Amino acid sequence: MDITLFIFGLICVIVGIFGSFLPILPGPPISWLGLLLLFLTSVIPQDWWFLGITLGIAILVFAMDYIIPAVGTKKFGGTKAGMIGTTVGLIVGLIAPIPGGIIIGPFLGAFIGELINKADNKTALKAAFGSFLGFLTGTFMKFMISIIYFGLFISKSWEYRYALFSFLY
């Protein structure tokens, strides 16, 4: 059972890293679920303070991911159309086989969204930049937390490797 929890936990922290970039998956909460699964093994001592603090951080980052792009868009004069365009552009950028699509897509999406919302080119460009900046900030924050959780998962697994993988020794 411990190996099953370990494998599912490892899958969760890896999916959490990908979830940092994909708008469908909440990266840090999925990564945290991987940590929880690891701590549910009979080998790793349960540390509820550690799990509580990392859960709090995951929830905070998850909430901030919705706030930061909105603040960036508003600060640069954008509208909801620009934010929707950013999300659509991200999805198209992920699907389209163009290099840098994940970066170009959100920017172009925000720009087109603002143009559809009847903004002039200068206003649309400024709003697209703000929306894009907010998107990059949120994505970077989610990615860093997910990578840290991955590192914590590996560190704790390595610390208890002999007990966790006792069937190998």
N, C-alpha and C. Protein backbone atom coordinates (compact mmCIF):
# COMPACT_ATOMS: atom_id res chain seq x y z
N MET A 1 0.82 -1.20 0.00
CA MET A 1 0.00 0.00 0.00
C MET A 1 0.86 1.27 0.00
N ASP A 2 2.00 1.21 0.71
CA ASP A 2 2.88 2.37 0.77
C ASP A 2 3.41 2.73 -0.61
N ILE A 3 3.77 1.72 -1.40
CA ILE A 3 4.29 1.99 -2.74
C ILE A 3 3.21 2.61 -3.61
N THR A 4 1.97 2.14 -3.48
CA THR A 4 0.85 2.71 -4.24
C THR A 4 0.66 4.17 -3.88
N LEU A 5 0.67 4.49 -2.59
CA LEU A 5 0.55 5.88 -2.16
C LEU A 5 1.71 6.72 -2.67
N PHE A 6 2.91 6.15 -2.62
CA PHE A 6 4.09 6.86 -3.12
C PHE A 6 3.95 7.16 -4.61
N ILE A 7 3.54 6.16 -5.40
CA ILE A 7 3.42 6.35 -6.85
C ILE A 7 2.35 7.38 -7.18
N PHE A 8 1.19 7.27 -6.53
CA PHE A 8 0.13 8.25 -6.78
C PHE A 8 0.56 9.65 -6.31
N GLY A 9 1.29 9.71 -5.22
CA GLY A 9 1.81 10.99 -4.75
C GLY A 9 2.79 11.60 -5.74
N LEU A 10 3.68 10.78 -6.27
CA LEU A 10 4.64 11.25 -7.27
C LEU A 10 3.92 11.74 -8.52
N ILE A 11 2.92 11.01 -8.95
CA ILE A 11 2.12 11.44 -10.11
C ILE A 11 1.47 12.79 -9.84
N CYS A 12 0.94 12.95 -8.63
CA CYS A 12 0.27 14.21 -8.28
C CYS A 12 1.25 15.40 -8.30
N VAL A 13 2.43 15.24 -7.74
CA VAL A 13 3.36 16.39 -7.75
C VAL A 13 3.83 16.71 -9.16
N ILE A 14 3.97 15.70 -10.00
CA ILE A 14 4.36 15.96 -11.40
C ILE A 14 3.21 16.62 -12.16
N VAL A 15 2.00 16.12 -11.98
CA VAL A 15 0.83 16.74 -12.62
C VAL A 15 0.66 18.17 -12.11
N GLY A 16 0.97 18.40 -10.84
CA GLY A 16 0.89 19.75 -10.28
C GLY A 16 1.83 20.72 -10.97
N ILE A 17 3.01 20.24 -11.35
CA ILE A 17 3.94 21.10 -12.09
C ILE A 17 3.35 21.47 -13.44
N PHE A 18 2.78 20.50 -14.15
CA PHE A 18 2.13 20.80 -15.42
C PHE A 18 0.91 21.69 -15.21
N GLY A 19 0.23 21.50 -14.09
CA GLY A 19 -0.93 22.32 -13.77
C GLY A 19 -0.58 23.78 -13.53
N SER A 20 0.68 24.07 -13.31
CA SER A 20 1.11 25.46 -13.17
C SER A 20 0.91 26.23 -14.47
N PHE A 21 0.97 25.52 -15.57
CA PHE A 21 0.84 26.15 -16.88
C PHE A 21 -0.53 25.98 -17.51
N LEU A 22 -1.21 24.90 -17.17
CA LEU A 22 -2.51 24.60 -17.75
C LEU A 22 -3.62 25.23 -16.92
N PRO A 23 -4.47 26.03 -17.54
CA PRO A 23 -5.51 26.71 -16.75
C PRO A 23 -6.57 25.76 -16.20
N ILE A 24 -6.62 24.54 -16.69
CA ILE A 24 -7.64 23.59 -16.25
C ILE A 24 -7.27 22.96 -14.92
N LEU A 25 -5.98 22.75 -14.68
CA LEU A 25 -5.52 22.05 -13.48
C LEU A 25 -4.98 23.04 -12.44
N PRO A 26 -5.43 22.91 -11.19
CA PRO A 26 -4.87 23.76 -10.13
C PRO A 26 -3.54 23.17 -9.64
N GLY A 27 -2.43 23.67 -10.15
CA GLY A 27 -1.10 23.10 -9.89
C GLY A 27 -0.73 22.89 -8.43
N PRO A 28 -0.62 23.95 -7.62
CA PRO A 28 -0.19 23.77 -6.23
C PRO A 28 -1.11 22.86 -5.40
N PRO A 29 -2.43 22.96 -5.50
CA PRO A 29 -3.25 22.01 -4.72
C PRO A 29 -3.04 20.55 -5.12
N ILE A 30 -2.82 20.30 -6.40
CA ILE A 30 -2.56 18.92 -6.83
C ILE A 30 -1.20 18.46 -6.31
N SER A 31 -0.21 19.35 -6.35
CA SER A 31 1.10 19.02 -5.79
C SER A 31 0.99 18.74 -4.30
N TRP A 32 0.19 19.53 -3.60
CA TRP A 32 0.00 19.31 -2.16
C TRP A 32 -0.64 17.95 -1.91
N LEU A 33 -1.58 17.57 -2.77
CA LEU A 33 -2.20 16.26 -2.63
C LEU A 33 -1.14 15.16 -2.70
N GLY A 34 -0.14 15.35 -3.56
CA GLY A 34 0.98 14.40 -3.63
C GLY A 34 1.74 14.31 -2.32
N LEU A 35 1.97 15.48 -1.68
CA LEU A 35 2.62 15.48 -0.36
C LEU A 35 1.76 14.75 0.66
N LEU A 36 0.46 15.00 0.63
CA LEU A 36 -0.44 14.34 1.58
C LEU A 36 -0.38 12.82 1.41
N LEU A 37 -0.42 12.37 0.16
CA LEU A 37 -0.36 10.92 -0.09
C LEU A 37 0.94 10.32 0.44
N LEU A 38 2.04 11.05 0.27
CA LEU A 38 3.32 10.56 0.80
C LEU A 38 3.27 10.44 2.33
N PHE A 39 2.69 11.44 2.99
CA PHE A 39 2.62 11.43 4.44
C PHE A 39 1.60 10.43 4.97
N LEU A 40 0.73 9.93 4.11
CA LEU A 40 -0.23 8.91 4.53
C LEU A 40 0.37 7.50 4.51
N THR A 41 1.58 7.37 4.00
CA THR A 41 2.23 6.06 4.04
C THR A 41 2.54 5.73 5.50
N SER A 42 2.70 4.45 5.78
CA SER A 42 3.00 4.04 7.16
C SER A 42 4.46 4.32 7.52
N VAL A 43 5.28 4.62 6.54
CA VAL A 43 6.72 4.80 6.75
C VAL A 43 7.05 6.23 7.18
N ILE A 44 6.44 7.21 6.55
CA ILE A 44 6.77 8.61 6.81
C ILE A 44 5.97 9.08 8.03
N PRO A 45 6.64 9.63 9.03
CA PRO A 45 5.91 10.13 10.20
C PRO A 45 4.99 11.29 9.80
N GLN A 46 3.78 11.24 10.30
CA GLN A 46 2.82 12.28 9.96
C GLN A 46 3.19 13.58 10.67
N ASP A 47 3.27 14.64 9.89
CA ASP A 47 3.60 15.96 10.40
C ASP A 47 2.47 16.89 9.98
N TRP A 48 1.47 17.03 10.84
CA TRP A 48 0.28 17.80 10.49
C TRP A 48 0.58 19.29 10.40
N TRP A 49 1.59 19.77 11.12
CA TRP A 49 1.98 21.17 10.98
C TRP A 49 2.53 21.43 9.58
N PHE A 50 3.40 20.56 9.15
CA PHE A 50 3.97 20.69 7.81
C PHE A 50 2.86 20.65 6.75
N LEU A 51 1.97 19.67 6.86
CA LEU A 51 0.88 19.55 5.89
C LEU A 51 -0.07 20.75 5.96
N GLY A 52 -0.32 21.25 7.15
CA GLY A 52 -1.21 22.41 7.29
C GLY A 52 -0.62 23.67 6.68
N ILE A 53 0.66 23.88 6.93
CA ILE A 53 1.32 25.08 6.38
C ILE A 53 1.40 24.99 4.85
N THR A 54 1.78 23.82 4.33
CA THR A 54 1.88 23.69 2.87
C THR A 54 0.49 23.77 2.22
N LEU A 55 -0.55 23.28 2.90
CA LEU A 55 -1.91 23.42 2.37
C LEU A 55 -2.31 24.89 2.35
N GLY A 56 -2.01 25.61 3.42
CA GLY A 56 -2.32 27.04 3.45
C GLY A 56 -1.65 27.80 2.32
N ILE A 57 -0.40 27.47 2.06
CA ILE A 57 0.33 28.12 0.97
C ILE A 57 -0.30 27.77 -0.38
N ALA A 58 -0.65 26.50 -0.56
CA ALA A 58 -1.27 26.07 -1.82
C ALA A 58 -2.60 26.79 -2.06
N ILE A 59 -3.40 26.93 -1.02
CA ILE A 59 -4.69 27.63 -1.16
C ILE A 59 -4.47 29.11 -1.43
N LEU A 60 -3.50 29.72 -0.75
CA LEU A 60 -3.20 31.13 -0.97
C LEU A 60 -2.74 31.38 -2.41
N VAL A 61 -1.84 30.55 -2.89
CA VAL A 61 -1.35 30.70 -4.27
C VAL A 61 -2.48 30.46 -5.27
N PHE A 62 -3.33 29.48 -4.98
CA PHE A 62 -4.48 29.21 -5.84
C PHE A 62 -5.40 30.43 -5.93
N ALA A 63 -5.66 31.06 -4.80
CA ALA A 63 -6.51 32.26 -4.79
C ALA A 63 -5.81 33.44 -5.47
N MET A 64 -4.54 33.61 -5.19
CA MET A 64 -3.78 34.71 -5.80
C MET A 64 -3.71 34.59 -7.32
N ASP A 65 -3.78 33.38 -7.81
CA ASP A 65 -3.72 33.17 -9.25
C ASP A 65 -4.93 33.81 -9.95
N TYR A 66 -6.02 33.96 -9.26
CA TYR A 66 -7.18 34.62 -9.83
C TYR A 66 -7.14 36.13 -9.61
N ILE A 67 -6.47 36.55 -8.56
CA ILE A 67 -6.43 37.97 -8.23
C ILE A 67 -5.37 38.72 -9.03
N ILE A 68 -4.18 38.14 -9.16
CA ILE A 68 -3.06 38.84 -9.81
C ILE A 68 -3.35 39.23 -11.26
N PRO A 69 -3.85 38.31 -12.12
CA PRO A 69 -4.14 38.75 -13.49
C PRO A 69 -5.20 39.86 -13.55
N ALA A 70 -6.18 39.80 -12.66
CA ALA A 70 -7.21 40.84 -12.65
C ALA A 70 -6.61 42.18 -12.26
N VAL A 71 -5.72 42.17 -11.27
CA VAL A 71 -5.07 43.40 -10.84
C VAL A 71 -4.18 43.95 -11.97
N GLY A 72 -3.43 43.06 -12.61
CA GLY A 72 -2.57 43.49 -13.73
C GLY A 72 -3.38 44.08 -14.87
N THR A 73 -4.50 43.45 -15.17
CA THR A 73 -5.35 43.93 -16.26
C THR A 73 -5.95 45.29 -15.90
N LYS A 74 -6.49 45.41 -14.71
CA LYS A 74 -7.10 46.67 -14.28
C LYS A 74 -6.07 47.80 -14.20
N LYS A 75 -4.88 47.47 -13.69
CA LYS A 75 -3.84 48.48 -13.53
C LYS A 75 -3.42 49.09 -14.87
N PHE A 76 -3.48 48.27 -15.91
CA PHE A 76 -3.09 48.74 -17.24
C PHE A 76 -4.30 49.10 -18.10
N GLY A 77 -5.49 49.23 -17.49
CA GLY A 77 -6.67 49.70 -18.21
C GLY A 77 -7.42 48.63 -18.98
N GLY A 78 -7.22 47.38 -18.64
CA GLY A 78 -7.89 46.31 -19.36
C GLY A 78 -9.28 46.02 -18.84
N THR A 79 -9.98 45.16 -19.57
CA THR A 79 -11.34 44.77 -19.21
C THR A 79 -11.42 43.26 -19.06
N LYS A 80 -12.61 42.79 -18.75
CA LYS A 80 -12.83 41.35 -18.61
C LYS A 80 -12.58 40.64 -19.95
N ALA A 81 -12.85 41.33 -21.04
CA ALA A 81 -12.62 40.75 -22.37
C ALA A 81 -11.14 40.42 -22.56
N GLY A 82 -10.26 41.26 -22.04
CA GLY A 82 -8.82 41.00 -22.12
C GLY A 82 -8.42 39.79 -21.30
N MET A 83 -9.04 39.63 -20.14
CA MET A 83 -8.73 38.48 -19.30
C MET A 83 -9.23 37.18 -19.95
N ILE A 84 -10.42 37.24 -20.53
CA ILE A 84 -10.95 36.06 -21.23
C ILE A 84 -10.05 35.75 -22.43
N GLY A 85 -9.64 36.78 -23.14
CA GLY A 85 -8.74 36.60 -24.28
C GLY A 85 -7.41 35.98 -23.87
N THR A 86 -6.92 36.35 -22.69
CA THR A 86 -5.67 35.76 -22.19
C THR A 86 -5.82 34.26 -22.01
N THR A 87 -6.93 33.83 -21.42
CA THR A 87 -7.16 32.40 -21.19
C THR A 87 -7.33 31.65 -22.51
N VAL A 88 -8.11 32.22 -23.42
CA VAL A 88 -8.30 31.58 -24.73
C VAL A 88 -6.96 31.51 -25.47
N GLY A 89 -6.19 32.59 -25.40
CA GLY A 89 -4.89 32.61 -26.06
C GLY A 89 -3.94 31.58 -25.47
N LEU A 90 -4.02 31.37 -24.17
CA LEU A 90 -3.18 30.35 -23.53
C LEU A 90 -3.53 28.96 -24.05
N ILE A 91 -4.82 28.67 -24.12
CA ILE A 91 -5.26 27.36 -24.60
C ILE A 91 -4.84 27.15 -26.05
N VAL A 92 -5.04 28.16 -26.89
CA VAL A 92 -4.62 28.07 -28.29
C VAL A 92 -3.10 27.93 -28.38
N GLY A 93 -2.38 28.68 -27.54
CA GLY A 93 -0.92 28.61 -27.53
C GLY A 93 -0.40 27.24 -27.12
N LEU A 94 -1.13 26.57 -26.24
CA LEU A 94 -0.74 25.22 -25.83
C LEU A 94 -0.99 24.20 -26.93
N ILE A 95 -2.09 24.39 -27.64
CA ILE A 95 -2.48 23.43 -28.68
C ILE A 95 -1.70 23.65 -29.98
N ALA A 96 -1.52 24.92 -30.33
CA ALA A 96 -0.85 25.26 -31.59
C ALA A 96 0.61 24.83 -31.56
N PRO A 97 1.07 24.21 -32.64
CA PRO A 97 2.46 23.74 -32.67
C PRO A 97 3.46 24.84 -33.06
N ILE A 98 3.37 25.99 -32.40
CA ILE A 98 4.33 27.06 -32.69
C ILE A 98 5.25 27.24 -31.49
N PRO A 99 6.52 27.51 -31.74
CA PRO A 99 7.44 27.72 -30.62
C PRO A 99 7.04 28.97 -29.84
N GLY A 100 7.05 28.86 -28.54
CA GLY A 100 6.69 29.99 -27.69
C GLY A 100 5.21 30.28 -27.64
N GLY A 101 4.39 29.34 -28.08
CA GLY A 101 2.94 29.55 -28.11
C GLY A 101 2.35 29.82 -26.74
N ILE A 102 2.94 29.22 -25.72
CA ILE A 102 2.43 29.41 -24.36
C ILE A 102 2.68 30.84 -23.87
N ILE A 103 3.62 31.54 -24.48
CA ILE A 103 3.91 32.92 -24.10
C ILE A 103 3.22 33.90 -25.05
N ILE A 104 3.26 33.62 -26.35
CA ILE A 104 2.66 34.49 -27.35
C ILE A 104 1.13 34.44 -27.29
N GLY A 105 0.59 33.25 -27.07
CA GLY A 105 -0.86 33.05 -27.06
C GLY A 105 -1.60 33.95 -26.09
N PRO A 106 -1.23 33.97 -24.80
CA PRO A 106 -1.95 34.83 -23.85
C PRO A 106 -1.89 36.32 -24.21
N PHE A 107 -0.73 36.75 -24.69
CA PHE A 107 -0.59 38.16 -25.05
C PHE A 107 -1.50 38.50 -26.23
N LEU A 108 -1.44 37.69 -27.29
CA LEU A 108 -2.30 37.94 -28.45
C LEU A 108 -3.77 37.81 -28.10
N GLY A 109 -4.08 36.83 -27.25
CA GLY A 109 -5.47 36.66 -26.82
C GLY A 109 -5.99 37.88 -26.09
N ALA A 110 -5.20 38.43 -25.20
CA ALA A 110 -5.61 39.64 -24.47
C ALA A 110 -5.76 40.81 -25.42
N PHE A 111 -4.84 40.94 -26.35
CA PHE A 111 -4.89 42.03 -27.33
C PHE A 111 -6.16 41.93 -28.18
N ILE A 112 -6.43 40.75 -28.71
CA ILE A 112 -7.62 40.55 -29.54
C ILE A 112 -8.90 40.73 -28.71
N GLY A 113 -8.88 40.24 -27.47
CA GLY A 113 -10.04 40.44 -26.59
C GLY A 113 -10.34 41.90 -26.36
N GLU A 114 -9.31 42.71 -26.17
CA GLU A 114 -9.52 44.15 -25.97
C GLU A 114 -9.99 44.82 -27.26
N LEU A 115 -9.46 44.37 -28.41
CA LEU A 115 -9.92 44.94 -29.68
C LEU A 115 -11.39 44.61 -29.93
N ILE A 116 -11.78 43.39 -29.61
CA ILE A 116 -13.19 42.99 -29.76
C ILE A 116 -14.07 43.84 -28.83
N ASN A 117 -13.50 44.22 -27.68
CA ASN A 117 -14.23 45.05 -26.72
C ASN A 117 -14.22 46.53 -27.13
N LYS A 118 -13.82 46.80 -28.37
CA LYS A 118 -13.85 48.14 -28.97
C LYS A 118 -12.82 49.11 -28.38
N ALA A 119 -11.68 48.59 -27.98
CA ALA A 119 -10.59 49.46 -27.53
C ALA A 119 -9.74 49.82 -28.75
N ASP A 120 -9.11 50.99 -28.71
CA ASP A 120 -8.20 51.32 -29.81
C ASP A 120 -6.91 50.52 -29.65
N ASN A 121 -6.06 50.56 -30.68
CA ASN A 121 -4.85 49.74 -30.67
C ASN A 121 -3.94 50.02 -29.49
N LYS A 122 -3.76 51.30 -29.16
CA LYS A 122 -2.85 51.66 -28.07
C LYS A 122 -3.39 51.16 -26.72
N THR A 123 -4.67 51.38 -26.49
CA THR A 123 -5.29 50.93 -25.23
C THR A 123 -5.28 49.41 -25.14
N ALA A 124 -5.60 48.76 -26.27
CA ALA A 124 -5.62 47.29 -26.29
C ALA A 124 -4.23 46.72 -26.03
N LEU A 125 -3.21 47.34 -26.60
CA LEU A 125 -1.85 46.87 -26.41
C LEU A 125 -1.42 47.03 -24.94
N LYS A 126 -1.76 48.18 -24.36
CA LYS A 126 -1.42 48.43 -22.96
C LYS A 126 -2.14 47.43 -22.05
N ALA A 127 -3.43 47.21 -22.29
CA ALA A 127 -4.21 46.27 -21.48
C ALA A 127 -3.71 44.84 -21.67
N ALA A 128 -3.35 44.50 -22.90
CA ALA A 128 -2.83 43.15 -23.17
C ALA A 128 -1.52 42.94 -22.42
N PHE A 129 -0.70 43.96 -22.37
CA PHE A 129 0.56 43.85 -21.63
C PHE A 129 0.29 43.63 -20.15
N GLY A 130 -0.66 44.36 -19.58
CA GLY A 130 -1.00 44.19 -18.17
C GLY A 130 -1.56 42.82 -17.87
N SER A 131 -2.44 42.35 -18.73
CA SER A 131 -3.02 41.02 -18.56
C SER A 131 -1.95 39.95 -18.69
N PHE A 132 -1.08 40.12 -19.65
CA PHE A 132 0.02 39.17 -19.88
C PHE A 132 0.98 39.16 -18.69
N LEU A 133 1.29 40.34 -18.16
CA LEU A 133 2.17 40.43 -17.00
C LEU A 133 1.55 39.73 -15.79
N GLY A 134 0.26 39.94 -15.59
CA GLY A 134 -0.44 39.26 -14.50
C GLY A 134 -0.44 37.75 -14.68
N PHE A 135 -0.65 37.30 -15.92
CA PHE A 135 -0.63 35.88 -16.22
C PHE A 135 0.74 35.28 -15.94
N LEU A 136 1.80 35.95 -16.39
CA LEU A 136 3.15 35.45 -16.16
C LEU A 136 3.49 35.40 -14.67
N THR A 137 3.08 36.41 -13.94
CA THR A 137 3.34 36.44 -12.49
C THR A 137 2.65 35.28 -11.79
N GLY A 138 1.37 35.08 -12.11
CA GLY A 138 0.63 33.98 -11.50
C GLY A 138 1.21 32.62 -11.87
N THR A 139 1.57 32.45 -13.13
CA THR A 139 2.13 31.19 -13.60
C THR A 139 3.48 30.92 -12.93
N PHE A 140 4.31 31.93 -12.83
CA PHE A 140 5.62 31.77 -12.19
C PHE A 140 5.45 31.39 -10.71
N MET A 141 4.50 32.05 -10.05
CA MET A 141 4.26 31.75 -8.64
C MET A 141 3.79 30.31 -8.46
N LYS A 142 2.85 29.86 -9.28
CA LYS A 142 2.35 28.49 -9.20
C LYS A 142 3.46 27.49 -9.51
N PHE A 143 4.26 27.80 -10.52
CA PHE A 143 5.35 26.91 -10.91
C PHE A 143 6.37 26.76 -9.78
N MET A 144 6.73 27.88 -9.16
CA MET A 144 7.73 27.82 -8.08
C MET A 144 7.22 27.01 -6.89
N ILE A 145 5.97 27.20 -6.51
CA ILE A 145 5.41 26.44 -5.38
C ILE A 145 5.35 24.96 -5.74
N SER A 146 4.94 24.64 -6.96
CA SER A 146 4.86 23.24 -7.37
C SER A 146 6.24 22.59 -7.41
N ILE A 147 7.24 23.32 -7.85
CA ILE A 147 8.62 22.80 -7.87
C ILE A 147 9.12 22.59 -6.43
N ILE A 148 8.81 23.53 -5.55
CA ILE A 148 9.21 23.38 -4.15
C ILE A 148 8.54 22.16 -3.54
N TYR A 149 7.26 21.95 -3.82
CA TYR A 149 6.56 20.77 -3.30
C TYR A 149 7.14 19.49 -3.87
N PHE A 150 7.55 19.53 -5.13
CA PHE A 150 8.21 18.37 -5.74
C PHE A 150 9.52 18.09 -5.01
N GLY A 151 10.28 19.15 -4.73
CA GLY A 151 11.54 18.99 -3.99
C GLY A 151 11.32 18.44 -2.59
N LEU A 152 10.28 18.92 -1.92
CA LEU A 152 9.95 18.40 -0.58
C LEU A 152 9.56 16.93 -0.65
N PHE A 153 8.81 16.56 -1.68
CA PHE A 153 8.39 15.17 -1.87
C PHE A 153 9.63 14.27 -2.06
N ILE A 154 10.53 14.70 -2.94
CA ILE A 154 11.74 13.92 -3.21
C ILE A 154 12.62 13.85 -1.96
N SER A 155 12.75 14.98 -1.28
CA SER A 155 13.59 15.02 -0.07
C SER A 155 13.08 14.07 1.00
N LYS A 156 11.79 14.12 1.26
CA LYS A 156 11.20 13.25 2.29
C LYS A 156 11.26 11.79 1.85
N SER A 157 11.04 11.54 0.58
CA SER A 157 11.13 10.16 0.06
C SER A 157 12.55 9.63 0.19
N TRP A 158 13.52 10.47 -0.09
CA TRP A 158 14.93 10.07 -0.01
C TRP A 158 15.32 9.80 1.45
N GLU A 159 14.82 10.63 2.34
CA GLU A 159 15.13 10.47 3.76
C GLU A 159 14.65 9.12 4.30
N TYR A 160 13.51 8.67 3.82
CA TYR A 160 12.93 7.40 4.29
C TYR A 160 12.96 6.32 3.21
N ARG A 161 13.92 6.41 2.31
CA ARG A 161 13.98 5.48 1.17
C ARG A 161 14.14 4.02 1.58
N TYR A 162 14.94 3.76 2.61
CA TYR A 162 15.16 2.37 3.01
C TYR A 162 13.90 1.73 3.57
N ALA A 163 13.15 2.49 4.33
CA ALA A 163 11.90 1.96 4.88
C ALA A 163 10.81 1.92 3.81
N LEU A 164 10.78 2.93 2.96
CA LEU A 164 9.76 3.02 1.92
C LEU A 164 9.93 1.94 0.87
N PHE A 165 11.16 1.68 0.51
CA PHE A 165 11.45 0.67 -0.53
C PHE A 165 12.16 -0.54 0.09
N SER A 166 11.72 -0.96 1.25
CA SER A 166 12.36 -2.06 1.96
C SER A 166 12.33 -3.37 1.17
N PHE A 167 11.37 -3.51 0.28
CA PHE A 167 11.30 -4.75 -0.52
C PHE A 167 12.46 -4.84 -1.51
N LEU A 168 13.15 -3.74 -1.75
CA LEU A 168 14.30 -3.75 -2.67
C LEU A 168 15.60 -4.12 -1.97
N TYR A 169 15.62 -3.97 -0.66
CA TYR A 169 16.88 -4.16 0.09
C TYR A 169 16.90 -5.49 0.79
